């Protein structure tokens, strides 16, 4: 499973939304109404999914699936 699909799968389960509702280039706040608490929960879930640590400053950068994918890839050393 590729990184973007893993991110979408994790967020879909956490936020209880359909995969197709998670648009790659639309802010999560706009597409599925994610609030700050849900973003913290998402970061924790993504840390578990990818077995990596994300800094609190990165939480504010998480606006789209594409943004999240770039951050996760940088943590995993992938391109």
N, C-alpha and C. Protein backbone atom coordinates (compact mmCIF):
# COMPACT_ATOMS: atom_id res chain seq x y z
N UNK A 1 0.86 -1.18 0.00
CA UNK A 1 0.00 0.00 0.00
C UNK A 1 0.90 1.24 0.00
N UNK A 2 0.61 2.17 -0.90
CA UNK A 2 1.45 3.36 -0.94
C UNK A 2 1.13 4.32 0.21
N UNK A 3 2.02 5.26 0.41
CA UNK A 3 1.91 6.17 1.56
C UNK A 3 0.60 6.96 1.54
N UNK A 4 0.26 7.52 0.38
CA UNK A 4 -0.96 8.33 0.31
C UNK A 4 -2.19 7.49 0.66
N UNK A 5 -2.24 6.27 0.17
CA UNK A 5 -3.39 5.40 0.45
C UNK A 5 -3.43 5.03 1.94
N UNK A 6 -2.27 4.79 2.54
CA UNK A 6 -2.22 4.51 3.98
C UNK A 6 -2.71 5.71 4.79
N UNK A 7 -2.31 6.90 4.39
CA UNK A 7 -2.76 8.12 5.07
C UNK A 7 -4.27 8.24 4.98
N UNK A 8 -4.79 8.07 3.75
CA UNK A 8 -6.24 8.18 3.56
C UNK A 8 -6.99 7.12 4.36
N UNK A 9 -6.45 5.90 4.36
CA UNK A 9 -7.10 4.81 5.09
C UNK A 9 -7.13 5.12 6.59
N UNK A 10 -6.00 5.58 7.12
CA UNK A 10 -5.92 5.92 8.54
C UNK A 10 -6.90 7.04 8.89
N UNK A 11 -6.90 8.11 8.08
CA UNK A 11 -7.77 9.25 8.36
C UNK A 11 -9.24 8.89 8.16
N UNK A 12 -9.53 8.08 7.17
CA UNK A 12 -10.90 7.66 6.92
C UNK A 12 -11.48 6.92 8.12
N UNK A 13 -10.70 6.01 8.68
CA UNK A 13 -11.15 5.25 9.85
C UNK A 13 -11.28 6.16 11.07
N UNK A 14 -10.30 7.01 11.28
CA UNK A 14 -10.30 7.90 12.45
C UNK A 14 -11.46 8.89 12.40
N UNK A 15 -11.65 9.51 11.24
CA UNK A 15 -12.64 10.57 11.10
C UNK A 15 -14.02 10.05 10.70
N UNK A 16 -14.08 8.74 10.42
CA UNK A 16 -15.34 8.10 10.02
C UNK A 16 -15.94 8.77 8.77
N UNK A 17 -15.07 8.91 7.76
CA UNK A 17 -15.50 9.44 6.47
C UNK A 17 -15.09 8.47 5.37
N UNK A 18 -15.73 8.58 4.22
CA UNK A 18 -15.40 7.73 3.08
C UNK A 18 -14.06 8.16 2.49
N UNK A 19 -13.33 7.19 1.97
CA UNK A 19 -12.04 7.49 1.33
C UNK A 19 -12.19 8.55 0.24
N UNK A 20 -13.25 8.45 -0.54
CA UNK A 20 -13.43 9.40 -1.64
C UNK A 20 -13.73 10.82 -1.16
N UNK A 21 -14.09 10.98 0.10
CA UNK A 21 -14.32 12.32 0.65
C UNK A 21 -13.01 13.02 1.02
N UNK A 22 -11.93 12.27 1.09
CA UNK A 22 -10.62 12.83 1.41
C UNK A 22 -9.92 13.22 0.12
N UNK A 23 -10.02 14.48 -0.23
CA UNK A 23 -9.44 14.99 -1.47
C UNK A 23 -7.97 15.33 -1.26
N UNK A 24 -7.14 14.97 -2.23
CA UNK A 24 -5.69 15.16 -2.12
C UNK A 24 -5.26 16.61 -1.93
N UNK A 25 -5.96 17.52 -2.60
CA UNK A 25 -5.49 18.90 -2.63
C UNK A 25 -6.47 19.90 -2.02
N UNK A 26 -7.40 19.40 -1.20
CA UNK A 26 -8.35 20.28 -0.51
C UNK A 26 -8.08 20.17 0.99
N UNK A 27 -8.03 21.31 1.66
CA UNK A 27 -7.76 21.31 3.10
C UNK A 27 -8.75 20.42 3.84
N UNK A 28 -8.23 19.61 4.77
CA UNK A 28 -9.09 18.71 5.53
C UNK A 28 -10.18 19.47 6.27
N UNK A 29 -9.87 20.66 6.74
CA UNK A 29 -10.87 21.46 7.43
C UNK A 29 -12.03 21.79 6.50
N UNK A 30 -11.74 22.00 5.24
CA UNK A 30 -12.79 22.35 4.27
C UNK A 30 -13.50 21.13 3.71
N UNK A 31 -12.78 20.05 3.47
CA UNK A 31 -13.39 18.90 2.82
C UNK A 31 -14.20 18.03 3.78
N UNK A 32 -13.67 17.81 4.99
CA UNK A 32 -14.38 16.94 5.93
C UNK A 32 -14.57 17.58 7.31
N UNK A 33 -14.26 18.87 7.43
CA UNK A 33 -14.53 19.61 8.66
C UNK A 33 -13.69 19.19 9.86
N UNK A 34 -12.43 18.88 9.64
CA UNK A 34 -11.55 18.48 10.74
C UNK A 34 -11.27 19.66 11.66
N UNK A 35 -11.41 19.43 12.97
CA UNK A 35 -11.09 20.49 13.93
C UNK A 35 -9.72 20.22 14.55
N UNK A 36 -9.27 21.11 15.43
CA UNK A 36 -7.92 20.99 15.98
C UNK A 36 -7.74 19.73 16.82
N UNK A 37 -8.76 19.32 17.55
CA UNK A 37 -8.67 18.10 18.34
C UNK A 37 -8.52 16.89 17.43
N UNK A 38 -9.29 16.86 16.38
CA UNK A 38 -9.20 15.75 15.42
C UNK A 38 -7.84 15.73 14.73
N UNK A 39 -7.24 16.90 14.50
CA UNK A 39 -5.92 16.94 13.90
C UNK A 39 -4.88 16.33 14.83
N UNK A 40 -4.99 16.59 16.11
CA UNK A 40 -4.06 15.99 17.08
C UNK A 40 -4.24 14.47 17.06
N UNK A 41 -5.49 14.02 17.06
CA UNK A 41 -5.77 12.58 16.99
C UNK A 41 -5.22 11.99 15.70
N UNK A 42 -5.33 12.73 14.60
CA UNK A 42 -4.82 12.27 13.31
C UNK A 42 -3.31 12.12 13.36
N UNK A 43 -2.63 13.07 13.97
CA UNK A 43 -1.17 13.00 14.08
C UNK A 43 -0.77 11.75 14.86
N UNK A 44 -1.44 11.49 15.97
CA UNK A 44 -1.14 10.31 16.78
C UNK A 44 -1.38 9.03 15.97
N UNK A 45 -2.48 8.99 15.26
CA UNK A 45 -2.80 7.81 14.44
C UNK A 45 -1.76 7.62 13.33
N UNK A 46 -1.34 8.72 12.71
CA UNK A 46 -0.34 8.63 11.64
C UNK A 46 1.03 8.21 12.20
N UNK A 47 1.35 8.68 13.39
CA UNK A 47 2.60 8.26 14.03
C UNK A 47 2.61 6.75 14.24
N UNK A 48 1.47 6.20 14.66
CA UNK A 48 1.37 4.76 14.87
C UNK A 48 1.42 4.01 13.55
N UNK A 49 0.71 4.53 12.55
CA UNK A 49 0.66 3.87 11.25
C UNK A 49 2.05 3.76 10.63
N UNK A 50 2.81 4.85 10.71
CA UNK A 50 4.11 4.89 10.04
C UNK A 50 5.29 4.70 10.98
N UNK A 51 5.01 4.46 12.26
CA UNK A 51 6.06 4.23 13.25
C UNK A 51 7.13 5.33 13.19
N UNK A 52 6.67 6.57 13.23
CA UNK A 52 7.56 7.72 13.20
C UNK A 52 7.02 8.79 14.13
N UNK A 53 7.84 9.76 14.43
CA UNK A 53 7.44 10.87 15.32
C UNK A 53 7.23 12.12 14.49
N UNK A 54 6.12 12.79 14.73
CA UNK A 54 5.81 14.06 14.07
C UNK A 54 5.82 15.15 15.13
N UNK A 55 6.48 16.26 14.83
CA UNK A 55 6.57 17.33 15.84
C UNK A 55 5.27 18.13 15.90
N UNK A 56 5.00 18.74 17.06
CA UNK A 56 3.77 19.54 17.19
C UNK A 56 3.69 20.67 16.15
N UNK A 57 4.82 21.22 15.75
CA UNK A 57 4.80 22.28 14.74
C UNK A 57 4.27 21.78 13.40
N UNK A 58 4.48 20.51 13.13
CA UNK A 58 3.99 19.95 11.86
C UNK A 58 2.48 19.81 11.84
N UNK A 59 1.86 19.75 13.00
CA UNK A 59 0.40 19.64 13.07
C UNK A 59 -0.24 20.78 12.31
N UNK A 60 0.29 21.99 12.47
CA UNK A 60 -0.31 23.15 11.82
C UNK A 60 -0.09 23.13 10.31
N UNK A 61 0.90 22.38 9.85
CA UNK A 61 1.16 22.28 8.41
C UNK A 61 0.21 21.31 7.73
N UNK A 62 -0.42 20.44 8.49
CA UNK A 62 -1.30 19.42 7.92
C UNK A 62 -2.58 20.08 7.41
N UNK A 63 -2.59 20.40 6.15
CA UNK A 63 -3.82 20.97 5.63
C UNK A 63 -4.44 20.11 4.55
N UNK A 64 -3.63 19.47 3.73
CA UNK A 64 -4.17 18.60 2.69
C UNK A 64 -3.52 17.22 2.79
N UNK A 65 -4.10 16.26 2.11
CA UNK A 65 -3.51 14.91 2.05
C UNK A 65 -2.12 15.01 1.42
N UNK A 66 -1.97 15.82 0.38
CA UNK A 66 -0.67 15.98 -0.27
C UNK A 66 0.37 16.53 0.71
N UNK A 67 -0.01 17.50 1.55
CA UNK A 67 0.91 18.04 2.56
C UNK A 67 1.34 16.96 3.54
N UNK A 68 0.38 16.19 4.01
CA UNK A 68 0.66 15.13 4.97
C UNK A 68 1.60 14.10 4.34
N UNK A 69 1.33 13.76 3.08
CA UNK A 69 2.17 12.78 2.39
C UNK A 69 3.63 13.26 2.32
N UNK A 70 3.84 14.53 2.00
CA UNK A 70 5.20 15.08 1.92
C UNK A 70 5.91 14.99 3.26
N UNK A 71 5.21 15.32 4.34
CA UNK A 71 5.81 15.27 5.67
C UNK A 71 6.17 13.84 6.06
N UNK A 72 5.24 12.92 5.82
CA UNK A 72 5.49 11.51 6.16
C UNK A 72 6.66 10.98 5.33
N UNK A 73 6.67 11.29 4.05
CA UNK A 73 7.78 10.83 3.19
C UNK A 73 9.11 11.36 3.69
N UNK A 74 9.14 12.61 4.12
CA UNK A 74 10.40 13.17 4.62
C UNK A 74 10.84 12.45 5.90
N UNK A 75 9.90 12.06 6.73
CA UNK A 75 10.24 11.34 7.97
C UNK A 75 10.73 9.92 7.68
N UNK A 76 10.17 9.32 6.62
CA UNK A 76 10.54 7.95 6.28
C UNK A 76 11.76 7.90 5.36
N UNK A 77 12.19 9.07 4.87
CA UNK A 77 13.32 9.11 3.96
C UNK A 77 12.96 8.63 2.57
N UNK A 78 11.67 8.70 2.24
CA UNK A 78 11.20 8.28 0.90
C UNK A 78 11.06 9.49 0.02
N UNK A 79 10.93 9.22 -1.25
CA UNK A 79 10.68 10.33 -2.18
C UNK A 79 9.48 10.04 -3.02
